[in-house]
Amino acid sequence: MRSVLAVVFVGLLAVGVAWAQDSIKLKNGDVISGALVKCDGTALTIKTSYSKGLSVDWSEVADVNMQAPARIVLKTGESFEGRLTSKGETLYIDAPGGGRAVKAADIESIGIPEVAWNGLAALTVLGVSGNTRSSALGAKGEVQRVSKENRLTLAGRADYQELEKKANVQTAFGRLRFDHQLTDSWFVGAFDEIEHDFFKNIRWRNRIGGGPGYRFINTPTMLLSALAGIAYTYTDYRNQKDDGAPTAAANEEFRWKISETQSVYQMLDFYPSLQHGSDFTFRGEAGFRQIVTSGIVLDLGIVDDYNNAPAPGRKSNDFRYQLSIGYVW
């Protein structure tokens, strides 16, 4: 289980690093940190750990630092997707394609975009240990649609390798998840996962479930959320009796956009059987992404799959380390 602990450690280490937030420095020297949620010509509104909306008069502000892009609308009708920063007494909109200096009185509003899309498509070189020990080539992708009310994620990967004209790595995994926001922190989520792994004796496995969730951190640069609920798992094995059973479901997700070019991610999925109390499956993933130029990204990650009741003759744990190069948007 050392590989499992490695995934957990990477995630906890990432959470333990300083939580990057927007900040406002006042003329009296005080600094207010949180998430900038609103701005107009007279005041800034920032959401903090102790207030859902703290309003600060522009006349008291000495410096502004936004960590993530937002939709900035000027009174002229012009709009930008960028970050608001300050350079001395001058406010500056830092946006792709060029920014501009503005006055506080020129700003109509600031807010998170109504709908934001992001995604990744990459080719992967990986090493695998467990039911097979080999290197392989693969591909993975992810698309997200995020709005104030909903979050939709579609992700998948596939890996394949032959040795002496025989497959020694043959896996695929896909996930669809939909979260609907109930309050600022609470949401309800549903998911569907499909898996294939030749060397685990799995022709295909489908897991569908859902439940309530809570977002401990939810800012434009950081997400920390957890979901607890129930699921049903059906497995079609290659050469043994198929199996279906209800399970509990516990999912955790952490994402941190460290800067415009660097980010980390970490996900944990735990499914204890409700039919056989001692049986469970665990999946952990963690990684670091570095944008090198014009949307080209390097992704270094680890994935750990553990099943304490594997198919006869199979190992409980499969561990992979992977290096991917691809495109993000």
C-alpha atoms as a PDB file:
ATOM      1  CA  MET A   1       0.000   0.000   0.000  1.00  0.00           C
ATOM      2  CA  ARG A   2       3.018   2.312  -0.141  1.00  0.00           C
ATOM      3  CA  SER A   3       1.862   3.522  -3.564  1.00  0.00           C
ATOM      4  CA  VAL A   4      -1.533   4.415  -2.068  1.00  0.00           C
ATOM      5  CA  LEU A   5       0.169   6.398   0.655  1.00  0.00           C
ATOM      6  CA  ALA A   6       2.279   8.181  -1.985  1.00  0.00           C
ATOM      7  CA  VAL A   7      -0.854   9.458  -3.722  1.00  0.00           C
ATOM      8  CA  VAL A   8      -2.365  10.621  -0.425  1.00  0.00           C
ATOM      9  CA  PHE A   9       0.896  12.290   0.592  1.00  0.00           C
ATOM     10  CA  VAL A  10       1.175  14.228  -2.667  1.00  0.00           C
ATOM     11  CA  GLY A  11      -2.375  15.483  -2.207  1.00  0.00           C
ATOM     12  CA  LEU A  12      -1.908  16.503   1.411  1.00  0.00           C
ATOM     13  CA  LEU A  13       1.392  18.182   0.592  1.00  0.00           C
ATOM     14  CA  ALA A  14      -0.291  20.223  -2.116  1.00  0.00           C
ATOM     15  CA  VAL A  15      -3.110  21.268   0.233  1.00  0.00           C
ATOM     16  CA  GLY A  16      -0.566  22.183   2.893  1.00  0.00           C
ATOM     17  CA  VAL A  17       1.190  24.676   0.612  1.00  0.00           C
ATOM     18  CA  ALA A  18      -0.069  28.247   0.974  1.00  0.00           C
ATOM     19  CA  TRP A  19      -3.629  28.821  -0.286  1.00  0.00           C
ATOM     20  CA  ALA A  20      -3.294  31.347  -3.119  1.00  0.00           C
ATOM     21  CA  GLN A  21      -6.047  33.993  -2.926  1.00  0.00           C
ATOM     22  CA  ASP A  22      -6.960  37.387  -4.293  1.00  0.00           C
ATOM     23  CA  SER A  23      -5.817  40.217  -2.060  1.00  0.00           C
ATOM     24  CA  ILE A  24      -6.537  43.873  -1.402  1.00  0.00           C
ATOM     25  CA  LYS A  25      -3.992  46.060   0.359  1.00  0.00           C
ATOM     26  CA  LEU A  26      -5.456  49.071   2.107  1.00  0.00           C
ATOM     27  CA  LYS A  27      -3.790  52.460   2.448  1.00  0.00           C
ATOM     28  CA  ASN A  28      -3.433  51.881   6.199  1.00  0.00           C
ATOM     29  CA  GLY A  29      -1.292  48.786   5.456  1.00  0.00           C
ATOM     30  CA  ASP A  30      -3.901  46.096   6.184  1.00  0.00           C
ATOM     31  CA  VAL A  31      -4.230  43.231   3.685  1.00  0.00           C
ATOM     32  CA  ILE A  32      -7.547  41.453   3.043  1.00  0.00           C
ATOM     33  CA  SER A  33      -7.316  38.041   1.359  1.00  0.00           C
ATOM     34  CA  GLY A  34     -10.102  36.031  -0.222  1.00  0.00           C
ATOM     35  CA  ALA A  35     -11.950  35.887  -3.533  1.00  0.00           C
ATOM     36  CA  LEU A  36     -12.804  39.103  -5.361  1.00  0.00           C
ATOM     37  CA  VAL A  37     -16.467  38.671  -6.339  1.00  0.00           C
ATOM     38  CA  LYS A  38     -17.636  42.151  -7.324  1.00  0.00           C
ATOM     39  CA  CYS A  39     -16.263  45.520  -8.313  1.00  0.00           C
ATOM     40  CA  ASP A  40     -17.769  48.776  -9.459  1.00  0.00           C
ATOM     41  CA  GLY A  41     -16.696  52.401  -9.621  1.00  0.00           C
ATOM     42  CA  THR A  42     -17.111  53.001  -5.892  1.00  0.00           C
ATOM     43  CA  ALA A  43     -16.259  49.786  -4.054  1.00  0.00           C
ATOM     44  CA  LEU A  44     -14.685  46.328  -4.164  1.00  0.00           C
ATOM     45  CA  THR A  45     -16.428  43.283  -2.663  1.00  0.00           C
ATOM     46  CA  ILE A  46     -14.287  40.384  -1.494  1.00  0.00           C
ATOM     47  CA  LYS A  47     -15.435  37.032  -0.070  1.00  0.00           C
ATOM     48  CA  THR A  48     -13.317  35.961   2.906  1.00  0.00           C
ATOM     49  CA  SER A  49     -13.280  33.115   5.417  1.00  0.00           C
ATOM     50  CA  TYR A  50     -15.203  35.324   7.837  1.00  0.00           C
ATOM     51  CA  SER A  51     -17.520  37.209   5.456  1.00  0.00           C
ATOM     52  CA  LYS A  52     -19.551  36.263   2.363  1.00  0.00           C
ATOM     53  CA  GLY A  53     -19.137  39.770   1.029  1.00  0.00           C
ATOM     54  CA  LEU A  54     -16.903  42.456   2.537  1.00  0.00           C
ATOM     55  CA  SER A  55     -17.247  45.819   0.756  1.00  0.00           C
ATOM     56  CA  VAL A  56     -14.250  48.170   0.643  1.00  0.00           C
ATOM     57  CA  ASP A  57     -14.363  51.727  -0.740  1.00  0.00           C
ATOM     58  CA  TRP A  58     -11.980  52.325  -3.634  1.00  0.00           C
ATOM     59  CA  SER A  59     -10.688  55.411  -1.837  1.00  0.00           C
ATOM     60  CA  GLU A  60      -9.229  53.116   0.865  1.00  0.00           C
ATOM     61  CA  VAL A  61      -7.513  50.710  -1.570  1.00  0.00           C
ATOM     62  CA  ALA A  62      -3.773  50.944  -2.222  1.00  0.00           C
ATOM     63  CA  ASP A  63      -3.177  47.718  -4.164  1.00  0.00           C
ATOM     64  CA  VAL A  64      -5.210  44.947  -5.861  1.00  0.00           C
ATOM     65  CA  ASN A  65      -3.988  41.481  -6.852  1.00  0.00           C
ATOM     66  CA  MET A  66      -6.316  38.997  -8.580  1.00  0.00           C
ATOM     67  CA  GLN A  67      -5.048  35.411  -8.909  1.00  0.00           C
ATOM     68  CA  ALA A  68      -7.350  34.196 -11.705  1.00  0.00           C
ATOM     69  CA  PRO A  69      -9.072  35.725 -14.746  1.00  0.00           C
ATOM     70  CA  ALA A  70     -12.579  37.141 -14.399  1.00  0.00           C
ATOM     71  CA  ARG A  71     -14.985  38.990 -16.659  1.00  0.00           C
ATOM     72  CA  ILE A  72     -14.277  42.719 -16.358  1.00  0.00           C
ATOM     73  CA  VAL A  73     -16.852  45.070 -17.887  1.00  0.00           C
ATOM     74  CA  LEU A  74     -16.187  48.784 -18.388  1.00  0.00           C
ATOM     75  CA  LYS A  75     -18.828  51.523 -18.459  1.00  0.00           C
ATOM     76  CA  THR A  76     -18.082  51.962 -22.164  1.00  0.00           C
ATOM     77  CA  GLY A  77     -19.459  48.451 -22.742  1.00  0.00           C
ATOM     78  CA  GLU A  78     -16.049  46.893 -23.386  1.00  0.00           C
ATOM     79  CA  SER A  79     -15.399  43.587 -21.645  1.00  0.00           C
ATOM     80  CA  PHE A  80     -12.246  41.585 -20.917  1.00  0.00           C
ATOM     81  CA  GLU A  81     -11.449  38.117 -19.574  1.00  0.00           C
ATOM     82  CA  GLY A  82      -8.427  38.942 -17.463  1.00  0.00           C
ATOM     83  CA  ARG A  83      -6.947  39.805 -14.085  1.00  0.00           C
ATOM     84  CA  LEU A  84      -7.174  43.167 -12.379  1.00  0.00           C
ATOM     85  CA  THR A  85      -3.918  44.350 -10.851  1.00  0.00           C
ATOM     86  CA  SER A  86      -2.545  47.671  -9.703  1.00  0.00           C
ATOM     87  CA  LYS A  87       0.760  49.379 -10.427  1.00  0.00           C
ATOM     88  CA  GLY A  88       1.155  52.248  -8.047  1.00  0.00           C
ATOM     89  CA  GLU A  89      -1.895  54.469  -8.417  1.00  0.00           C
ATOM     90  CA  THR A  90      -2.868  52.854 -11.744  1.00  0.00           C
ATOM     91  CA  LEU A  91      -5.229  49.897 -12.218  1.00  0.00           C
ATOM     92  CA  TYR A  92      -4.335  47.533 -15.030  1.00  0.00           C
ATOM     93  CA  ILE A  93      -6.368  44.823 -16.789  1.00  0.00           C
ATOM     94  CA  ASP A  94      -4.025  41.968 -17.672  1.00  0.00           C
ATOM     95  CA  ALA A  95      -5.794  40.063 -20.473  1.00  0.00           C
ATOM     96  CA  PRO A  96      -4.758  37.742 -23.333  1.00  0.00           C
ATOM     97  CA  GLY A  97      -4.014  39.715 -26.473  1.00  0.00           C
ATOM     98  CA  GLY A  98      -3.086  42.838 -24.525  1.00  0.00           C
ATOM     99  CA  GLY A  99      -4.316  44.717 -21.485  1.00  0.00           C
ATOM    100  CA  ARG A 100      -4.939  48.308 -20.642  1.00  0.00           C
ATOM    101  CA  ALA A 101      -4.789  50.803 -17.815  1.00  0.00           C
ATOM    102  CA  VAL A 102      -8.119  51.921 -16.337  1.00  0.00           C
ATOM    103  CA  LYS A 103      -9.473  54.102 -13.565  1.00  0.00           C
ATOM    104  CA  ALA A 104     -11.683  52.730 -10.818  1.00  0.00           C
ATOM    105  CA  ALA A 105     -14.523  54.937 -12.050  1.00  0.00           C
ATOM    106  CA  ASP A 106     -14.263  53.277 -15.500  1.00  0.00           C
ATOM    107  CA  ILE A 107     -15.197  49.822 -14.155  1.00  0.00           C
ATOM    108  CA  GLU A 108     -18.814  48.729 -14.327  1.00  0.00           C
ATOM    109  CA  SER A 109     -18.418  45.278 -12.784  1.00  0.00           C
ATOM    110  CA  ILE A 110     -16.115  42.309 -12.159  1.00  0.00           C
ATOM    111  CA  GLY A 111     -17.249  38.737 -11.820  1.00  0.00           C
ATOM    112  CA  ILE A 112     -16.489  35.131 -12.618  1.00  0.00           C
ATOM    113  CA  PRO A 113     -17.505  34.290 -16.216  1.00  0.00           C
ATOM    114  CA  GLU A 114     -21.044  32.902 -16.494  1.00  0.00           C
ATOM    115  CA  VAL A 115     -19.698  29.808 -18.255  1.00  0.00           C
ATOM    116  CA  ALA A 116     -16.074  28.669 -18.493  1.00  0.00           C
ATOM    117  CA  TRP A 117     -14.712  25.808 -20.583  1.00  0.00           C
ATOM    118  CA  ASN A 118     -11.327  24.161 -20.103  1.00  0.00           C
ATOM    119  CA  GLY A 119      -9.750  20.959 -21.296  1.00  0.00           C
ATOM    120  CA  LEU A 120      -6.709  18.786 -21.917  1.00  0.00           C
ATOM    121  CA  ALA A 121      -5.730  16.399 -24.738  1.00  0.00           C
ATOM    122  CA  ALA A 122      -2.404  14.577 -24.357  1.00  0.00           C
ATOM    123  CA  LEU A 123      -0.239  11.651 -25.403  1.00  0.00           C
ATOM    124  CA  THR A 124       1.330   9.647 -22.582  1.00  0.00           C
ATOM    125  CA  VAL A 125       4.395   7.527 -21.886  1.00  0.00           C
ATOM    126  CA  LEU A 126       3.916   5.467 -18.740  1.00  0.00           C
ATOM    127  CA  GLY A 127       5.363   2.741 -16.587  1.00  0.00           C
ATOM    128  CA  VAL A 128       3.097   0.102 -15.038  1.00  0.00           C
ATOM    129  CA  SER A 129       3.623  -2.308 -12.150  1.00  0.00           C
ATOM    130  CA  GLY A 130       1.190  -4.785 -10.617  1.00  0.00           C
ATOM    131  CA  ASN A 131      -0.719  -7.285 -12.760  1.00  0.00           C
ATOM    132  CA  THR A 132       1.719  -6.429 -15.533  1.00  0.00           C
ATOM    133  CA  ARG A 133       5.127  -4.791 -15.403  1.00  0.00           C
ATOM    134  CA  SER A 134       5.955  -2.778 -18.492  1.00  0.00           C
ATOM    135  CA  SER A 135       6.182   0.600 -20.167  1.00  0.00           C
ATOM    136  CA  ALA A 136       3.439   1.682 -22.552  1.00  0.00           C
ATOM    137  CA  LEU A 137       2.026   4.426 -24.719  1.00  0.00           C
ATOM    138  CA  GLY A 138      -1.360   5.982 -24.181  1.00  0.00           C
ATOM    139  CA  ALA A 139      -3.597   9.003 -24.456  1.00  0.00           C
ATOM    140  CA  LYS A 140      -5.765  10.931 -22.049  1.00  0.00           C
ATOM    141  CA  GLY A 141      -8.168  13.851 -22.140  1.00  0.00           C
ATOM    142  CA  GLU A 142     -10.461  15.965 -20.007  1.00  0.00           C
ATOM    143  CA  VAL A 143     -13.129  18.567 -20.709  1.00  0.00           C
ATOM    144  CA  GLN A 144     -14.887  20.702 -18.082  1.00  0.00           C
ATOM    145  CA  ARG A 145     -17.789  23.107 -18.282  1.00  0.00           C
ATOM    146  CA  VAL A 146     -18.092  25.278 -15.166  1.00  0.00           C
ATOM    147  CA  SER A 147     -20.848  27.765 -14.360  1.00  0.00           C
ATOM    148  CA  LYS A 148     -22.124  29.311 -11.141  1.00  0.00           C
ATOM    149  CA  GLU A 149     -24.763  26.554 -10.780  1.00  0.00           C
ATOM    150  CA  ASN A 150     -23.258  23.467 -12.420  1.00  0.00           C
ATOM    151  CA  ARG A 151     -20.001  21.675 -13.118  1.00  0.00           C
ATOM    152  CA  LEU A 152     -19.732  19.002 -15.818  1.00  0.00           C
ATOM    153  CA  THR A 153     -16.576  16.892 -16.246  1.00  0.00           C
ATOM    154  CA  LEU A 154     -15.797  14.292 -18.909  1.00  0.00           C
ATOM    155  CA  ALA A 155     -12.431  12.532 -18.606  1.00  0.00           C
ATOM    156  CA  GLY A 156     -10.799   9.414 -19.986  1.00  0.00           C
ATOM    157  CA  ARG A 157      -7.573   7.587 -20.753  1.00  0.00           C
ATOM    158  CA  ALA A 158      -6.426   4.537 -22.729  1.00  0.00           C
ATOM    159  CA  ASP A 159      -3.082   2.685 -22.642  1.00  0.00           C
ATOM    160  CA  TYR A 160      -1.747  -0.083 -24.898  1.00  0.00           C
ATOM    161  CA  GLN A 161       1.526  -1.879 -25.461  1.00  0.00           C
ATOM    162  CA  GLU A 162       2.595  -5.061 -27.262  1.00  0.00           C
ATOM    163  CA  LEU A 163       5.589  -7.282 -26.542  1.00  0.00           C
ATOM    164  CA  GLU A 164       6.478 -10.012 -29.053  1.00  0.00           C
ATOM    165  CA  LYS A 165       3.128  -9.433 -30.795  1.00  0.00           C
ATOM    166  CA  LYS A 166       1.185  -9.964 -27.563  1.00  0.00           C
ATOM    167  CA  ALA A 167      -0.534  -7.228 -25.563  1.00  0.00           C
ATOM    168  CA  ASN A 168       1.080  -6.670 -22.178  1.00  0.00           C
ATOM    169  CA  VAL A 169      -0.745  -3.418 -21.336  1.00  0.00           C
ATOM    170  CA  GLN A 170      -4.381  -2.895 -22.337  1.00  0.00           C
ATOM    171  CA  THR A 171      -6.478  -0.558 -20.200  1.00  0.00           C
ATOM    172  CA  ALA A 172      -9.118   2.138 -20.593  1.00  0.00           C
ATOM    173  CA  PHE A 173     -11.011   4.311 -18.131  1.00  0.00           C
ATOM    174  CA  GLY A 174     -13.713   6.953 -18.581  1.00  0.00           C
ATOM    175  CA  ARG A 175     -15.693   9.134 -16.198  1.00  0.00           C
ATOM    176  CA  LEU A 176     -18.665  11.463 -16.538  1.00  0.00           C
ATOM    177  CA  ARG A 177     -19.580  13.601 -13.525  1.00  0.00           C
ATOM    178  CA  PHE A 178     -22.190  16.305 -12.990  1.00  0.00           C
ATOM    179  CA  ASP A 179     -22.391  18.546  -9.902  1.00  0.00           C
ATOM    180  CA  HIS A 180     -25.252  20.938  -9.172  1.00  0.00           C
ATOM    181  CA  GLN A 181     -24.605  23.716  -6.678  1.00  0.00           C
ATOM    182  CA  LEU A 182     -27.191  23.999  -3.857  1.00  0.00           C
ATOM    183  CA  THR A 183     -25.478  26.725  -1.802  1.00  0.00           C
ATOM    184  CA  ASP A 184     -22.063  28.398  -1.881  1.00  0.00           C
ATOM    185  CA  SER A 185     -20.563  25.208  -0.406  1.00  0.00           C
ATOM    186  CA  TRP A 186     -23.077  22.353  -0.696  1.00  0.00           C
ATOM    187  CA  PHE A 187     -23.784  20.512  -3.951  1.00  0.00           C
ATOM    188  CA  VAL A 188     -25.286  17.245  -5.169  1.00  0.00           C
ATOM    189  CA  GLY A 189     -23.263  15.146  -7.587  1.00  0.00           C
ATOM    190  CA  ALA A 190     -23.785  12.156  -9.895  1.00  0.00           C
ATOM    191  CA  PHE A 191     -21.175  10.109 -11.762  1.00  0.00           C
ATOM    192  CA  ASP A 192     -20.767   7.219 -14.186  1.00  0.00           C
ATOM    193  CA  GLU A 193     -17.467   5.358 -14.655  1.00  0.00           C
ATOM    194  CA  ILE A 194     -16.498   2.735 -17.234  1.00  0.00           C
ATOM    195  CA  GLU A 195     -13.296   0.681 -16.996  1.00  0.00           C
ATOM    196  CA  HIS A 196     -11.562  -2.008 -19.062  1.00  0.00           C
ATOM    197  CA  ASP A 197      -8.398  -3.845 -17.991  1.00  0.00           C
ATOM    198  CA  PHE A 198      -7.328  -7.010 -19.791  1.00  0.00           C
ATOM    199  CA  PHE A 199      -4.782  -8.027 -17.160  1.00  0.00           C
ATOM    200  CA  LYS A 200      -7.235  -7.569 -14.289  1.00  0.00           C
ATOM    201  CA  ASN A 201      -9.534  -9.974 -16.159  1.00  0.00           C
ATOM    202  CA  ILE A 202     -12.086  -7.142 -16.573  1.00  0.00           C
ATOM    203  CA  ARG A 203     -13.864  -7.025 -19.911  1.00  0.00           C
ATOM    204  CA  TRP A 204     -15.719  -3.954 -18.687  1.00  0.00           C
ATOM    205  CA  ARG A 205     -16.824  -2.496 -15.375  1.00  0.00           C
ATOM    206  CA  ASN A 206     -19.539   0.129 -14.927  1.00  0.00           C
ATOM    207  CA  ARG A 207     -20.045   2.107 -11.738  1.00  0.00           C
ATOM    208  CA  ILE A 208     -22.868   4.636 -11.378  1.00  0.00           C
ATOM    209  CA  GLY A 209     -23.699   6.615  -8.267  1.00  0.00           C
ATOM    210  CA  GLY A 210     -24.069   9.955  -6.554  1.00  0.00           C
ATOM    211  CA  GLY A 211     -24.725  11.824  -3.351  1.00  0.00           C
ATOM    212  CA  PRO A 212     -24.324  15.124  -1.519  1.00  0.00           C
ATOM    213  CA  GLY A 213     -21.012  16.960  -1.503  1.00  0.00           C
ATOM    214  CA  TYR A 214     -19.277  19.902   0.130  1.00  0.00           C
ATOM    215  CA  ARG A 215     -16.712  22.341  -1.269  1.00  0.00           C
ATOM    216  CA  PHE A 216     -14.309  23.361   1.469  1.00  0.00           C
ATOM    217  CA  ILE A 217     -12.490  25.724  -0.911  1.00  0.00           C
ATOM    218  CA  ASN A 218     -14.035  27.040  -4.115  1.00  0.00           C
ATOM    219  CA  THR A 219     -12.206  29.953  -5.722  1.00  0.00           C
ATOM    220  CA  PRO A 220     -11.078  30.644  -9.293  1.00  0.00           C
ATOM    221  CA  THR A 221      -7.621  29.263  -8.410  1.00  0.00           C
ATOM    222  CA  MET A 222      -8.386  26.452  -5.951  1.00  0.00           C
ATOM    223  CA  LEU A 223     -10.950  23.702  -5.452  1.00  0.00           C
ATOM    224  CA  LEU A 224     -11.162  21.258  -2.546  1.00  0.00           C
ATOM    225  CA  SER A 225     -14.341  19.184  -2.463  1.00  0.00           C
ATOM    226  CA  ALA A 226     -15.680  15.887  -1.120  1.00  0.00           C
ATOM    227  CA  LEU A 227     -18.700  13.757  -2.000  1.00  0.00           C
ATOM    228  CA  ALA A 228     -20.262  10.898  -0.010  1.00  0.00           C
ATOM    229  CA  GLY A 229     -23.054   8.690  -1.307  1.00  0.00           C
ATOM    230  CA  ILE A 230     -23.894   5.296  -2.786  1.00  0.00           C
ATOM    231  CA  ALA A 231     -23.111   3.556  -6.075  1.00  0.00           C
ATOM    232  CA  TYR A 232     -23.783   0.337  -7.945  1.00  0.00           C
ATOM    233  CA  THR A 233     -20.914  -1.531  -9.582  1.00  0.00           C
ATOM    234  CA  TYR A 234     -21.321  -4.196 -12.269  1.00  0.00           C
ATOM    235  CA  THR A 235     -18.295  -6.098 -13.588  1.00  0.00           C
ATOM    236  CA  ASP A 236     -18.231  -8.259 -16.716  1.00  0.00           C
ATOM    237  CA  TYR A 237     -15.225 -10.563 -16.299  1.00  0.00           C
ATOM    238  CA  ARG A 238     -13.434 -12.258 -19.203  1.00  0.00           C
ATOM    239  CA  ASN A 239     -13.421 -15.800 -17.812  1.00  0.00           C
ATOM    240  CA  GLN A 240     -15.309 -15.905 -14.540  1.00  0.00           C
ATOM    241  CA  LYS A 241     -18.820 -15.183 -13.293  1.00  0.00           C
ATOM    242  CA  ASP A 242     -19.990 -11.593 -13.654  1.00  0.00           C
ATOM    243  CA  ASP A 243     -20.635  -9.633 -10.491  1.00  0.00           C
ATOM    244  CA  GLY A 244     -22.809  -6.720  -9.383  1.00  0.00           C
ATOM    245  CA  ALA A 245     -23.125  -5.138  -5.960  1.00  0.00           C
ATOM    246  CA  PRO A 246     -24.030  -1.865  -4.209  1.00  0.00           C
ATOM    247  CA  THR A 247     -21.243   0.116  -2.588  1.00  0.00           C
ATOM    248  CA  ALA A 248     -20.775   3.243  -0.561  1.00  0.00           C
ATOM    249  CA  ALA A 249     -18.960   6.032  -2.398  1.00  0.00           C
ATOM    250  CA  ALA A 250     -16.464   8.580  -1.078  1.00  0.00           C
ATOM    251  CA  ASN A 251     -14.756  10.944  -3.528  1.00  0.00           C
ATOM    252  CA  GLU A 252     -12.307  13.775  -2.890  1.00  0.00           C
ATOM    253  CA  GLU A 253     -10.913  16.262  -5.412  1.00  0.00           C
ATOM    254  CA  PHE A 254      -8.270  18.945  -5.143  1.00  0.00           C
ATOM    255  CA  ARG A 255      -7.112  21.349  -7.887  1.00  0.00           C
ATOM    256  CA  TRP A 256      -4.810  24.328  -7.476  1.00  0.00           C
ATOM    257  CA  LYS A 257      -3.827  26.770 -10.195  1.00  0.00           C
ATOM    258  CA  ILE A 258      -0.523  27.944  -8.756  1.00  0.00           C
ATOM    259  CA  SER A 259       0.100  30.443 -11.545  1.00  0.00           C
ATOM    260  CA  GLU A 260      -0.868  31.068 -15.157  1.00  0.00           C
ATOM    261  CA  THR A 261       1.465  28.224 -16.196  1.00  0.00           C
ATOM    262  CA  GLN A 262       1.534  25.787 -13.252  1.00  0.00           C
ATOM    263  CA  SER A 263      -1.120  23.683 -11.540  1.00  0.00           C
ATOM    264  CA  VAL A 264      -1.504  20.559  -9.410  1.00  0.00           C
ATOM    265  CA  TYR A 265      -4.373  18.097  -9.140  1.00  0.00           C
ATOM    266  CA  GLN A 266      -5.264  15.187  -6.889  1.00  0.00           C
ATOM    267  CA  MET A 267      -8.301  12.854  -6.722  1.00  0.00           C
ATOM    268  CA  LEU A 268      -9.216   9.980  -4.395  1.00  0.00           C
ATOM    269  CA  ASP A 269     -12.091   7.497  -4.903  1.00  0.00           C
ATOM    270  CA  PHE A 270     -13.050   4.912  -2.255  1.00  0.00           C
ATOM    271  CA  TYR A 271     -15.808   2.317  -2.758  1.00  0.00           C
ATOM    272  CA  PRO A 272     -16.446  -0.089   0.169  1.00  0.00           C
ATOM    273  CA  SER A 273     -18.883  -2.900  -0.641  1.00  0.00           C
ATOM    274  CA  LEU A 274     -22.266  -2.853   1.097  1.00  0.00           C
ATOM    275  CA  GLN A 275     -22.714  -6.553   0.323  1.00  0.00           C
ATOM    276  CA  HIS A 276     -19.351  -7.861   1.522  1.00  0.00           C
ATOM    277  CA  GLY A 277     -18.201  -5.605   4.332  1.00  0.00           C
ATOM    278  CA  SER A 278     -14.471  -6.263   4.000  1.00  0.00           C
ATOM    279  CA  ASP A 279     -14.249  -5.695   0.227  1.00  0.00           C
ATOM    280  CA  PHE A 280     -13.327  -2.311  -1.213  1.00  0.00           C
ATOM    281  CA  THR A 281     -11.688  -0.609  -4.180  1.00  0.00           C
ATOM    282  CA  PHE A 282      -9.551   2.507  -4.098  1.00  0.00           C
ATOM    283  CA  ARG A 283      -8.284   4.772  -6.851  1.00  0.00           C
ATOM    284  CA  GLY A 284      -5.913   7.698  -6.366  1.00  0.00           C
ATOM    285  CA  GLU A 285      -4.427  10.102  -8.878  1.00  0.00           C
ATOM    286  CA  ALA A 286      -2.120  13.082  -8.456  1.00  0.00           C
ATOM    287  CA  GLY A 287      -0.003  15.192 -10.756  1.00  0.00           C
ATOM    288  CA  PHE A 288       1.673  18.431 -11.727  1.00  0.00           C
ATOM    289  CA  ARG A 289       1.113  20.390 -14.964  1.00  0.00           C
ATOM    290  CA  GLN A 290       3.463  22.933 -16.517  1.00  0.00           C
ATOM    291  CA  ILE A 291       2.470  24.978 -19.556  1.00  0.00           C
ATOM    292  CA  VAL A 292       5.663  25.422 -21.552  1.00  0.00           C
ATOM    293  CA  THR A 293       4.390  27.609 -24.410  1.00  0.00           C
ATOM    294  CA  SER A 294       1.191  28.567 -26.235  1.00  0.00           C
ATOM    295  CA  GLY A 295      -1.022  25.984 -24.560  1.00  0.00           C
ATOM    296  CA  ILE A 296       1.503  23.125 -24.805  1.00  0.00           C
ATOM    297  CA  VAL A 297       1.616  21.360 -21.442  1.00  0.00           C
ATOM    298  CA  LEU A 298       3.764  18.764 -19.678  1.00  0.00           C
ATOM    299  CA  ASP A 299       1.891  16.592 -17.182  1.00  0.00           C
ATOM    300  CA  LEU A 300       3.742  14.412 -14.649  1.00  0.00           C
ATOM    301  CA  GLY A 301       1.434  12.136 -12.655  1.00  0.00           C
ATOM    302  CA  ILE A 302       0.866   8.930 -10.722  1.00  0.00           C
ATOM    303  CA  VAL A 303      -2.215   6.670 -10.602  1.00  0.00           C
ATOM    304  CA  ASP A 304      -2.882   3.912  -8.072  1.00  0.00           C
ATOM    305  CA  ASP A 305      -5.657   1.295  -8.435  1.00  0.00           C
ATOM    306  CA  TYR A 306      -6.247  -1.035  -5.493  1.00  0.00           C
ATOM    307  CA  ASN A 307      -8.792  -3.834  -5.050  1.00  0.00           C
ATOM    308  CA  ASN A 308      -8.523  -5.917  -1.897  1.00  0.00           C
ATOM    309  CA  ALA A 309     -10.588  -8.727  -3.525  1.00  0.00           C
ATOM    310  CA  PRO A 310      -9.195  -9.067  -7.072  1.00  0.00           C
ATOM    311  CA  ALA A 311     -10.114 -11.750  -9.595  1.00  0.00           C
ATOM    312  CA  PRO A 312      -8.508 -15.151  -8.863  1.00  0.00           C
ATOM    313  CA  GLY A 313      -4.849 -15.174  -9.801  1.00  0.00           C
ATOM    314  CA  ARG A 314      -4.650 -11.369 -10.028  1.00  0.00           C
ATOM    315  CA  LYS A 315      -2.778  -8.875  -7.838  1.00  0.00           C
ATOM    316  CA  SER A 316      -4.556  -6.333  -5.660  1.00  0.00           C
ATOM    317  CA  ASN A 317      -2.556  -3.285  -6.689  1.00  0.00           C
ATOM    318  CA  ASP A 318      -1.721  -1.617 -10.009  1.00  0.00           C
ATOM    319  CA  PHE A 319       0.507   1.453  -9.947  1.00  0.00           C
ATOM    320  CA  ARG A 320       1.428   3.685 -12.877  1.00  0.00           C
ATOM    321  CA  TYR A 321       3.642   6.721 -13.310  1.00  0.00           C
ATOM    322  CA  GLN A 322       3.156   8.756 -16.438  1.00  0.00           C
ATOM    323  CA  LEU A 323       4.570  11.655 -18.411  1.00  0.00           C
ATOM    324  CA  SER A 324       2.213  13.348 -20.858  1.00  0.00           C
ATOM    325  CA  ILE A 325       2.589  16.104 -23.411  1.00  0.00           C
ATOM    326  CA  GLY A 326      -0.472  17.746 -24.838  1.00  0.00           C
ATOM    327  CA  TYR A 327      -2.586  20.842 -25.315  1.00  0.00           C
ATOM    328  CA  VAL A 328      -4.689  22.730 -22.767  1.00  0.00           C
ATOM    329  CA  TRP A 329      -7.323  25.368 -23.277  1.00  0.00           C
END
